[in-house]
Amino acid sequence: MTTRKIYWDREDLLLRLRRIEGQVRGVQAMIDADKSCESILVQVAAIEGALKKVSRIINACSVAERVAEISNTPDPTDAIKEALQDLIRYG
């Protein structure tokens, strides 16, 4: 079994995700209470921004893992291509 080095603060990510979960519940309550579309859209934009931040943190971890992998590879070409594809796909 290989040990993975974690490049993020687990508790920070979990806290961010709990906040996002709360924001989503808040939007559900706003819709249930017939709040204005503008108010709801503001909250949805905040959720999107928070999710993008989580994605960037995890993406940075992926890059760090790939760099470690690449440094142990005699011919890193394929590993570099895969890392770049992941950045494009998820970045």
N, C-alpha and C. Protein backbone atom coordinates (compact mmCIF):
# COMPACT_ATOMS: atom_id res chain seq x y z
N MET A 1 0.84 -1.18 0.00
CA MET A 1 0.00 0.00 0.00
C MET A 1 0.89 1.24 0.00
N THR A 2 0.61 2.17 -0.93
CA THR A 2 1.40 3.39 -1.00
C THR A 2 0.77 4.47 -0.13
N THR A 3 1.63 5.28 0.42
CA THR A 3 1.16 6.39 1.25
C THR A 3 1.14 7.65 0.39
N ARG A 4 0.01 8.31 0.36
CA ARG A 4 -0.11 9.56 -0.39
C ARG A 4 0.17 10.72 0.54
N LYS A 5 0.95 11.65 0.04
CA LYS A 5 1.16 12.88 0.79
C LYS A 5 0.00 13.82 0.48
N ILE A 6 -0.59 14.36 1.49
CA ILE A 6 -1.72 15.27 1.32
C ILE A 6 -1.18 16.70 1.29
N TYR A 7 -1.56 17.44 0.26
CA TYR A 7 -1.06 18.79 0.07
C TYR A 7 -2.09 19.85 0.43
N TRP A 8 -3.13 19.48 1.14
CA TRP A 8 -4.12 20.46 1.56
C TRP A 8 -4.42 20.25 3.03
N ASP A 9 -5.05 21.23 3.60
CA ASP A 9 -5.49 21.15 5.00
C ASP A 9 -6.89 20.53 4.99
N ARG A 10 -6.96 19.30 5.43
CA ARG A 10 -8.22 18.55 5.38
C ARG A 10 -9.34 19.27 6.13
N GLU A 11 -9.05 19.75 7.33
CA GLU A 11 -10.08 20.42 8.13
C GLU A 11 -10.57 21.70 7.43
N ASP A 12 -9.66 22.41 6.79
CA ASP A 12 -10.05 23.62 6.05
C ASP A 12 -11.01 23.26 4.92
N LEU A 13 -10.68 22.22 4.17
CA LEU A 13 -11.57 21.81 3.07
C LEU A 13 -12.93 21.36 3.58
N LEU A 14 -12.94 20.58 4.65
CA LEU A 14 -14.22 20.13 5.20
C LEU A 14 -15.05 21.30 5.70
N LEU A 15 -14.41 22.27 6.32
CA LEU A 15 -15.12 23.47 6.77
C LEU A 15 -15.71 24.23 5.59
N ARG A 16 -14.93 24.38 4.54
CA ARG A 16 -15.42 25.06 3.33
C ARG A 16 -16.64 24.33 2.76
N LEU A 17 -16.57 22.99 2.70
CA LEU A 17 -17.67 22.22 2.15
C LEU A 17 -18.92 22.29 3.03
N ARG A 18 -18.72 22.34 4.33
CA ARG A 18 -19.89 22.49 5.23
C ARG A 18 -20.55 23.85 5.03
N ARG A 19 -19.72 24.88 4.85
CA ARG A 19 -20.29 26.22 4.58
C ARG A 19 -21.08 26.21 3.29
N ILE A 20 -20.53 25.58 2.26
CA ILE A 20 -21.23 25.50 0.97
C ILE A 20 -22.55 24.76 1.15
N GLU A 21 -22.51 23.68 1.90
CA GLU A 21 -23.73 22.92 2.17
C GLU A 21 -24.78 23.82 2.84
N GLY A 22 -24.35 24.62 3.79
CA GLY A 22 -25.26 25.55 4.44
C GLY A 22 -25.81 26.59 3.49
N GLN A 23 -24.94 27.07 2.59
CA GLN A 23 -25.39 28.05 1.61
C GLN A 23 -26.45 27.45 0.69
N VAL A 24 -26.24 26.20 0.29
CA VAL A 24 -27.22 25.53 -0.59
C VAL A 24 -28.55 25.39 0.14
N ARG A 25 -28.50 25.02 1.40
CA ARG A 25 -29.75 24.95 2.17
C ARG A 25 -30.41 26.32 2.26
N GLY A 26 -29.60 27.35 2.40
CA GLY A 26 -30.13 28.70 2.45
C GLY A 26 -30.84 29.08 1.16
N VAL A 27 -30.27 28.68 0.03
CA VAL A 27 -30.91 28.96 -1.27
C VAL A 27 -32.23 28.19 -1.36
N GLN A 28 -32.24 26.95 -0.89
CA GLN A 28 -33.48 26.18 -0.90
C GLN A 28 -34.55 26.90 -0.07
N ALA A 29 -34.16 27.43 1.07
CA ALA A 29 -35.11 28.15 1.93
C ALA A 29 -35.57 29.44 1.25
N MET A 30 -34.66 30.10 0.55
CA MET A 30 -35.03 31.33 -0.16
C MET A 30 -36.06 31.03 -1.25
N ILE A 31 -35.85 29.94 -1.97
CA ILE A 31 -36.80 29.57 -3.02
C ILE A 31 -38.14 29.20 -2.40
N ASP A 32 -38.10 28.46 -1.32
CA ASP A 32 -39.33 28.07 -0.62
C ASP A 32 -40.08 29.30 -0.12
N ALA A 33 -39.35 30.34 0.27
CA ALA A 33 -39.96 31.56 0.80
C ALA A 33 -40.26 32.59 -0.29
N ASP A 34 -40.10 32.19 -1.54
CA ASP A 34 -40.38 33.08 -2.68
C ASP A 34 -39.58 34.38 -2.64
N LYS A 35 -38.30 34.28 -2.29
CA LYS A 35 -37.43 35.46 -2.32
C LYS A 35 -37.18 35.87 -3.76
N SER A 36 -36.66 37.07 -3.95
CA SER A 36 -36.45 37.59 -5.30
C SER A 36 -35.37 36.79 -6.03
N CYS A 37 -35.51 36.71 -7.33
CA CYS A 37 -34.53 36.01 -8.16
C CYS A 37 -33.14 36.62 -7.99
N GLU A 38 -33.09 37.94 -7.91
CA GLU A 38 -31.79 38.62 -7.75
C GLU A 38 -31.10 38.17 -6.46
N SER A 39 -31.84 38.10 -5.37
CA SER A 39 -31.26 37.66 -4.10
C SER A 39 -30.76 36.23 -4.18
N ILE A 40 -31.53 35.39 -4.84
CA ILE A 40 -31.14 33.99 -4.98
C ILE A 40 -29.89 33.88 -5.85
N LEU A 41 -29.86 34.64 -6.94
CA LEU A 41 -28.70 34.60 -7.83
C LEU A 41 -27.42 35.05 -7.13
N VAL A 42 -27.53 36.01 -6.24
CA VAL A 42 -26.36 36.45 -5.47
C VAL A 42 -25.82 35.30 -4.64
N GLN A 43 -26.71 34.56 -4.02
CA GLN A 43 -26.29 33.42 -3.20
C GLN A 43 -25.73 32.28 -4.06
N VAL A 44 -26.33 32.04 -5.21
CA VAL A 44 -25.83 31.01 -6.11
C VAL A 44 -24.43 31.37 -6.59
N ALA A 45 -24.20 32.64 -6.89
CA ALA A 45 -22.87 33.08 -7.31
C ALA A 45 -21.84 32.87 -6.20
N ALA A 46 -22.25 33.11 -4.97
CA ALA A 46 -21.35 32.89 -3.83
C ALA A 46 -21.01 31.41 -3.70
N ILE A 47 -22.00 30.55 -3.92
CA ILE A 47 -21.77 29.10 -3.86
C ILE A 47 -20.80 28.68 -4.97
N GLU A 48 -21.03 29.19 -6.17
CA GLU A 48 -20.15 28.86 -7.29
C GLU A 48 -18.71 29.29 -6.99
N GLY A 49 -18.54 30.47 -6.44
CA GLY A 49 -17.21 30.95 -6.10
C GLY A 49 -16.54 30.08 -5.04
N ALA A 50 -17.31 29.68 -4.05
CA ALA A 50 -16.76 28.82 -2.99
C ALA A 50 -16.37 27.46 -3.54
N LEU A 51 -17.18 26.90 -4.44
CA LEU A 51 -16.85 25.61 -5.05
C LEU A 51 -15.61 25.71 -5.93
N LYS A 52 -15.48 26.83 -6.64
CA LYS A 52 -14.29 27.03 -7.47
C LYS A 52 -13.04 27.07 -6.61
N LYS A 53 -13.13 27.70 -5.44
CA LYS A 53 -11.99 27.75 -4.53
C LYS A 53 -11.61 26.36 -4.06
N VAL A 54 -12.59 25.55 -3.69
CA VAL A 54 -12.33 24.17 -3.28
C VAL A 54 -11.67 23.41 -4.44
N SER A 55 -12.20 23.60 -5.63
CA SER A 55 -11.65 22.94 -6.81
C SER A 55 -10.19 23.35 -7.04
N ARG A 56 -9.88 24.63 -6.89
CA ARG A 56 -8.50 25.11 -7.08
C ARG A 56 -7.56 24.49 -6.05
N ILE A 57 -8.01 24.37 -4.82
CA ILE A 57 -7.18 23.77 -3.77
C ILE A 57 -6.88 22.31 -4.11
N ILE A 58 -7.90 21.56 -4.50
CA ILE A 58 -7.71 20.15 -4.83
C ILE A 58 -6.89 20.01 -6.10
N ASN A 59 -7.10 20.91 -7.05
CA ASN A 59 -6.31 20.88 -8.29
C ASN A 59 -4.83 21.13 -7.99
N ALA A 60 -4.55 22.05 -7.08
CA ALA A 60 -3.16 22.31 -6.69
C ALA A 60 -2.54 21.06 -6.07
N CYS A 61 -3.32 20.33 -5.30
CA CYS A 61 -2.85 19.07 -4.73
C CYS A 61 -2.53 18.08 -5.84
N SER A 62 -3.40 18.01 -6.82
CA SER A 62 -3.19 17.09 -7.94
C SER A 62 -1.89 17.43 -8.66
N VAL A 63 -1.66 18.71 -8.88
CA VAL A 63 -0.42 19.13 -9.55
C VAL A 63 0.80 18.73 -8.71
N ALA A 64 0.72 18.95 -7.41
CA ALA A 64 1.83 18.57 -6.53
C ALA A 64 2.09 17.07 -6.58
N GLU A 65 1.02 16.28 -6.58
CA GLU A 65 1.18 14.83 -6.67
C GLU A 65 1.80 14.43 -8.00
N ARG A 66 1.35 15.08 -9.07
CA ARG A 66 1.89 14.77 -10.41
C ARG A 66 3.37 15.14 -10.50
N VAL A 67 3.73 16.29 -9.94
CA VAL A 67 5.14 16.70 -9.97
C VAL A 67 6.00 15.67 -9.25
N ALA A 68 5.53 15.19 -8.12
CA ALA A 68 6.27 14.15 -7.39
C ALA A 68 6.38 12.88 -8.23
N GLU A 69 5.30 12.53 -8.89
CA GLU A 69 5.29 11.35 -9.76
C GLU A 69 6.25 11.54 -10.94
N ILE A 70 6.20 12.71 -11.55
CA ILE A 70 7.03 13.00 -12.72
C ILE A 70 8.51 12.95 -12.35
N SER A 71 8.84 13.43 -11.16
CA SER A 71 10.25 13.46 -10.76
C SER A 71 10.83 12.06 -10.58
N ASN A 72 9.98 11.04 -10.45
CA ASN A 72 10.44 9.66 -10.30
C ASN A 72 10.31 8.86 -11.60
N THR A 73 10.04 9.54 -12.71
CA THR A 73 9.82 8.86 -13.98
C THR A 73 10.99 9.14 -14.93
N PRO A 74 11.57 8.09 -15.53
CA PRO A 74 12.68 8.30 -16.46
C PRO A 74 12.28 9.15 -17.67
N ASP A 75 11.09 8.87 -18.24
CA ASP A 75 10.59 9.66 -19.37
C ASP A 75 9.26 10.29 -18.93
N PRO A 76 9.32 11.55 -18.49
CA PRO A 76 8.12 12.17 -17.91
C PRO A 76 7.10 12.69 -18.92
N THR A 77 7.33 12.48 -20.21
CA THR A 77 6.47 13.08 -21.24
C THR A 77 4.99 12.74 -21.04
N ASP A 78 4.66 11.46 -20.89
CA ASP A 78 3.25 11.08 -20.73
C ASP A 78 2.66 11.62 -19.44
N ALA A 79 3.43 11.57 -18.37
CA ALA A 79 2.94 12.08 -17.08
C ALA A 79 2.68 13.58 -17.16
N ILE A 80 3.53 14.30 -17.86
CA ILE A 80 3.34 15.75 -18.02
C ILE A 80 2.08 16.01 -18.84
N LYS A 81 1.88 15.26 -19.91
CA LYS A 81 0.68 15.42 -20.74
C LYS A 81 -0.59 15.18 -19.91
N GLU A 82 -0.58 14.11 -19.10
CA GLU A 82 -1.73 13.81 -18.26
C GLU A 82 -2.00 14.92 -17.26
N ALA A 83 -0.93 15.45 -16.66
CA ALA A 83 -1.08 16.53 -15.69
C ALA A 83 -1.67 17.77 -16.35
N LEU A 84 -1.21 18.09 -17.54
CA LEU A 84 -1.74 19.26 -18.27
C LEU A 84 -3.20 19.04 -18.66
N GLN A 85 -3.52 17.82 -19.07
CA GLN A 85 -4.93 17.52 -19.41
C GLN A 85 -5.83 17.70 -18.19
N ASP A 86 -5.35 17.27 -17.03
CA ASP A 86 -6.14 17.45 -15.81
C ASP A 86 -6.32 18.93 -15.49
N LEU A 87 -5.26 19.72 -15.67
CA LEU A 87 -5.38 21.16 -15.42
C LEU A 87 -6.41 21.79 -16.34
N ILE A 88 -6.39 21.39 -17.58
CA ILE A 88 -7.36 21.94 -18.55
C ILE A 88 -8.76 21.47 -18.20
N ARG A 89 -8.90 20.21 -17.88
CA ARG A 89 -10.23 19.64 -17.59
C ARG A 89 -10.83 20.20 -16.32
N TYR A 90 -10.02 20.30 -15.27
CA TYR A 90 -10.56 20.67 -13.95
C TYR A 90 -10.16 22.06 -13.48
N GLY A 91 -9.26 22.69 -14.20
CA GLY A 91 -8.73 23.98 -13.75
C GLY A 91 -9.63 25.07 -13.95
